[in-house]
C-alpha cells in the first residue's frame, strides 16, 4: 500500500462523506478507484484466479455495497481503505459461495464439509475454508479479524493498521502474528 501522505482532495472527500454530503460517497469512491483497482488486481494475482472474478467486477459490487453502507465514520485515508478491504473481502467470498451453490444446482449455500465430501476443486475449498476461518476469528476477536482484513485484503502496513486502530506498530504486528497463529489452528 502506498505510504505517501493522502491527497487533500481525498481528505476533503472523506470529510464530506462523514458530514453526509449528497454525492460525497460516489465522488470518494471514484477518486479512490484507481488505487482500489490496483489492490483488487494484486489480490487476484496473488491468488491465481481462485475466484474467477475480474477486478472491475469486484469493484462494481463493492461500490454498490459502499453506497448502501449505513452511517460512515471515516477519519482518514487509512480508515477508508480498511472499510474498502472489508467490502472487497465480502464480495470475493460471496461470489465464491454463489459459484459453489450454482455448481450444486440447489441455489442454496452449503456447508464446507459437504463441499469437501463432494470433491469440489481444492482451490475453491481452501478459499471457502479461509472464509470460515476468518469468520471464526472474527467471533473470537474482532480486532484480529480487522488486522487480517487490512493487511491481507488492503495491503496496509503495520504502521497504517496501528494508526487506524489506535495502537502502535508493535501492537499491530503482535496482533497480526496472533491472528496468523489462530488462523493456522482453525484451518488445521
Protein backbone atom coordinates (compact mmCIF):
# COMPACT_ATOMS: atom_id res chain seq x y z
CA UNK A 1 0.00 0.00 0.00
CA UNK A 2 1.22 3.48 -0.82
CA UNK A 3 2.54 5.25 2.27
CA UNK A 4 2.66 8.73 0.75
CA UNK A 5 0.60 11.37 2.54
CA UNK A 6 -3.05 11.38 1.46
CA UNK A 7 -4.01 13.98 -1.11
CA UNK A 8 -6.00 16.92 0.17
CA UNK A 9 -8.75 16.06 -2.28
CA UNK A 10 -9.13 12.54 -0.81
CA UNK A 11 -9.05 14.04 2.68
CA UNK A 12 -11.74 16.55 1.70
CA UNK A 13 -13.91 13.83 0.17
CA UNK A 14 -13.63 11.72 3.33
CA UNK A 15 -14.68 14.76 5.39
CA UNK A 16 -17.64 15.29 3.01
CA UNK A 17 -18.72 11.66 3.44
CA UNK A 18 -18.51 11.97 7.22
CA UNK A 19 -20.63 15.14 7.08
CA UNK A 20 -23.16 13.30 4.91
CA UNK A 21 -22.62 15.19 1.66
CA UNK A 22 -25.12 14.13 -1.03
CA UNK A 23 -22.74 12.89 -3.71
CA UNK A 24 -19.70 12.54 -1.46
CA UNK A 25 -19.64 8.72 -1.37
CA UNK A 26 -19.73 8.42 -5.15
CA UNK A 27 -17.03 11.08 -5.53
CA UNK A 28 -14.83 9.43 -2.88
CA UNK A 29 -15.15 6.01 -4.49
CA UNK A 30 -14.44 7.44 -7.94
CA UNK A 31 -11.37 9.27 -6.65
CA UNK A 32 -10.04 6.14 -4.90
CA UNK A 33 -11.00 3.78 -7.75
CA UNK A 34 -7.52 3.54 -9.36
CA UNK A 35 -5.92 2.51 -6.06
CA UNK A 36 -8.78 0.14 -5.23
CA UNK A 37 -8.45 -1.46 -8.66
CA UNK A 38 -4.71 -1.89 -8.12
CA UNK A 39 -5.43 -3.61 -4.78
CA UNK A 40 -8.01 -5.91 -6.39
CA UNK A 41 -5.63 -6.79 -9.25
CA UNK A 42 -2.83 -7.53 -6.80
CA UNK A 43 -5.09 -9.69 -4.64
CA UNK A 44 -6.38 -11.65 -7.65
CA UNK A 45 -2.84 -12.12 -8.98
CA UNK A 46 -1.59 -13.42 -5.63
CA UNK A 47 -4.39 -15.97 -5.50
CA UNK A 48 -4.07 -17.21 -9.06
CA UNK A 49 -7.61 -16.53 -10.19
CA UNK A 50 -9.18 -18.69 -7.48
CA UNK A 51 -12.38 -16.66 -7.57
CA UNK A 52 -12.97 -16.45 -11.36
CA UNK A 53 -13.50 -12.72 -10.87
CA UNK A 54 -12.15 -9.62 -12.52
CA UNK A 55 -11.07 -6.55 -10.54
CA UNK A 56 -13.78 -4.43 -12.17
CA UNK A 57 -16.47 -6.92 -11.07
CA UNK A 58 -15.21 -6.80 -7.50
CA UNK A 59 -15.17 -3.01 -7.50
CA UNK A 60 -18.59 -2.67 -9.14
CA UNK A 61 -20.21 -4.84 -6.49
CA UNK A 62 -18.07 -3.16 -3.85
CA UNK A 63 -19.32 0.24 -4.96
CA UNK A 64 -22.94 -0.84 -4.52
CA UNK A 65 -22.19 -2.11 -1.03
CA UNK A 66 -20.25 1.04 -0.16
CA UNK A 67 -23.13 3.28 -1.27
CA UNK A 68 -25.61 1.20 0.77
CA UNK A 69 -23.47 1.16 3.93
CA UNK A 70 -25.17 2.94 6.80
CA UNK A 71 -23.69 5.84 8.72
CA UNK A 72 -19.99 6.10 7.89
CA UNK A 73 -17.46 7.44 10.37
CA UNK A 74 -14.32 7.74 8.30
CA UNK A 75 -11.44 9.55 9.96
CA UNK A 76 -8.82 9.38 7.25
CA UNK A 77 -7.43 7.58 4.23
CA UNK A 78 -6.48 4.51 6.26
CA UNK A 79 -9.98 4.11 7.72
CA UNK A 80 -11.47 4.37 4.22
CA UNK A 81 -9.15 1.64 2.90
CA UNK A 82 -9.86 -0.50 5.98
CA UNK A 83 -13.58 -0.31 5.15
CA UNK A 84 -12.84 -0.99 1.48
CA UNK A 85 -10.81 -4.09 2.37
CA UNK A 86 -13.72 -5.47 4.37
CA UNK A 87 -16.11 -4.85 1.47
CA UNK A 88 -13.73 -6.42 -1.07
CA UNK A 89 -13.37 -9.49 1.14
CA UNK A 90 -17.13 -9.92 1.43
CA UNK A 91 -17.61 -9.52 -2.34
CA UNK A 92 -14.98 -12.18 -3.09
CA UNK A 93 -16.29 -14.66 -0.52
CA UNK A 94 -19.92 -14.13 -1.53
CA UNK A 95 -19.01 -14.74 -5.17
CA UNK A 96 -17.20 -17.99 -4.37
CA UNK A 97 -20.14 -19.20 -2.26
CA UNK A 98 -22.62 -18.37 -5.05
CA UNK A 99 -20.47 -20.23 -7.58
CA UNK A 100 -20.50 -23.32 -5.35
CA UNK A 101 -24.24 -23.08 -4.87
CA UNK A 102 -24.68 -22.94 -8.66
CA UNK A 103 -22.36 -25.93 -9.17
CA UNK A 104 -24.52 -27.90 -6.78
CA UNK A 105 -27.67 -26.75 -8.61
CA UNK A 106 -29.66 -26.03 -5.47
CA UNK A 107 -29.25 -22.29 -5.22
CA UNK A 108 -28.56 -22.91 -1.52
CA UNK A 109 -25.27 -22.27 0.20
CA UNK A 110 -23.73 -25.46 1.52
CA UNK A 111 -21.51 -26.27 4.46
CA UNK A 112 -17.78 -26.53 3.87
CA UNK A 113 -17.62 -30.20 4.87
CA UNK A 114 -20.32 -31.01 2.28
CA UNK A 115 -18.27 -29.29 -0.39
CA UNK A 116 -15.18 -31.26 0.58
CA UNK A 117 -17.12 -34.51 0.59
CA UNK A 118 -18.41 -33.76 -2.91
CA UNK A 119 -14.85 -33.20 -4.19
CA UNK A 120 -15.14 -29.58 -5.20
CA UNK A 121 -11.90 -28.09 -6.54
CA UNK A 122 -9.16 -27.81 -3.93
CA UNK A 123 -8.53 -24.10 -4.54
CA UNK A 124 -12.18 -23.25 -4.02
CA UNK A 125 -12.46 -25.40 -0.91
CA UNK A 126 -9.35 -23.83 0.61
CA UNK A 127 -10.75 -20.43 -0.24
CA UNK A 128 -14.03 -21.24 1.48
CA UNK A 129 -12.11 -22.71 4.42
CA UNK A 130 -10.27 -19.40 4.70
CA UNK A 131 -13.58 -17.56 4.80
CA UNK A 132 -14.89 -19.85 7.54
CA UNK A 133 -11.66 -19.41 9.48
CA UNK A 134 -11.89 -15.62 9.20
CA UNK A 135 -15.49 -15.71 10.41
CA UNK A 136 -14.46 -17.82 13.41
CA UNK A 137 -11.55 -15.47 14.09
CA UNK A 138 -13.95 -12.53 13.94
CA UNK A 139 -16.20 -14.22 16.50
CA UNK A 140 -13.19 -14.86 18.77
CA UNK A 141 -11.55 -11.46 18.40
CA UNK A 142 -12.99 -8.84 16.03
CA UNK A 143 -9.85 -6.68 16.18
CA UNK A 144 -7.66 -9.55 14.99
CA UNK A 145 -10.04 -10.08 12.07
CA UNK A 146 -9.76 -6.36 11.24
CA UNK A 147 -5.98 -6.62 11.23
CA UNK A 148 -6.18 -9.56 8.81
CA UNK A 149 -8.62 -7.67 6.56
CA UNK A 150 -6.44 -4.58 6.46
CA UNK A 151 -3.15 -6.40 5.92
CA UNK A 152 -4.33 -9.22 3.64
CA UNK A 153 -7.02 -7.51 1.57
CA UNK A 154 -5.95 -3.83 1.61
CA UNK A 155 -2.20 -4.49 1.91
CA UNK A 156 -1.89 -1.91 4.66
CA UNK A 157 1.39 -1.74 6.54
CA UNK A 158 1.53 -2.50 10.25
CA UNK A 159 2.04 1.22 10.90
CA UNK A 160 -1.11 2.08 8.90
CA UNK A 161 -3.07 -0.64 10.70
CA UNK A 162 -1.86 0.61 14.05
CA UNK A 163 -2.79 4.19 13.22
CA UNK A 164 -6.25 3.15 12.02
CA UNK A 165 -6.98 1.00 15.06
CA UNK A 166 -5.42 3.40 17.57
CA UNK A 167 -2.43 1.29 18.57
CA UNK A 168 1.28 1.38 17.89
CA UNK A 169 3.00 -0.56 15.12
CA UNK A 170 4.41 -3.13 17.54
CA UNK A 171 0.90 -3.97 18.83
CA UNK A 172 -0.40 -4.25 15.27
CA UNK A 173 2.45 -6.64 14.41
CA UNK A 174 1.73 -8.70 17.54
CA UNK A 175 -1.98 -8.85 16.59
CA UNK A 176 -1.03 -9.95 13.06
CA UNK A 177 1.16 -12.75 14.46
CA UNK A 178 -1.56 -13.81 16.88
CA UNK A 179 -4.14 -13.81 14.07
CA UNK A 180 -1.87 -15.98 11.89
CA UNK A 181 -1.45 -18.49 14.71
CA UNK A 182 -5.19 -18.63 15.37
CA UNK A 183 -5.99 -18.98 11.66
CA UNK A 184 -3.49 -21.85 11.30
CA UNK A 185 -5.08 -23.55 14.30
CA UNK A 186 -8.59 -23.05 12.94
CA UNK A 187 -7.58 -24.31 9.49
CA UNK A 188 -5.72 -27.36 10.87
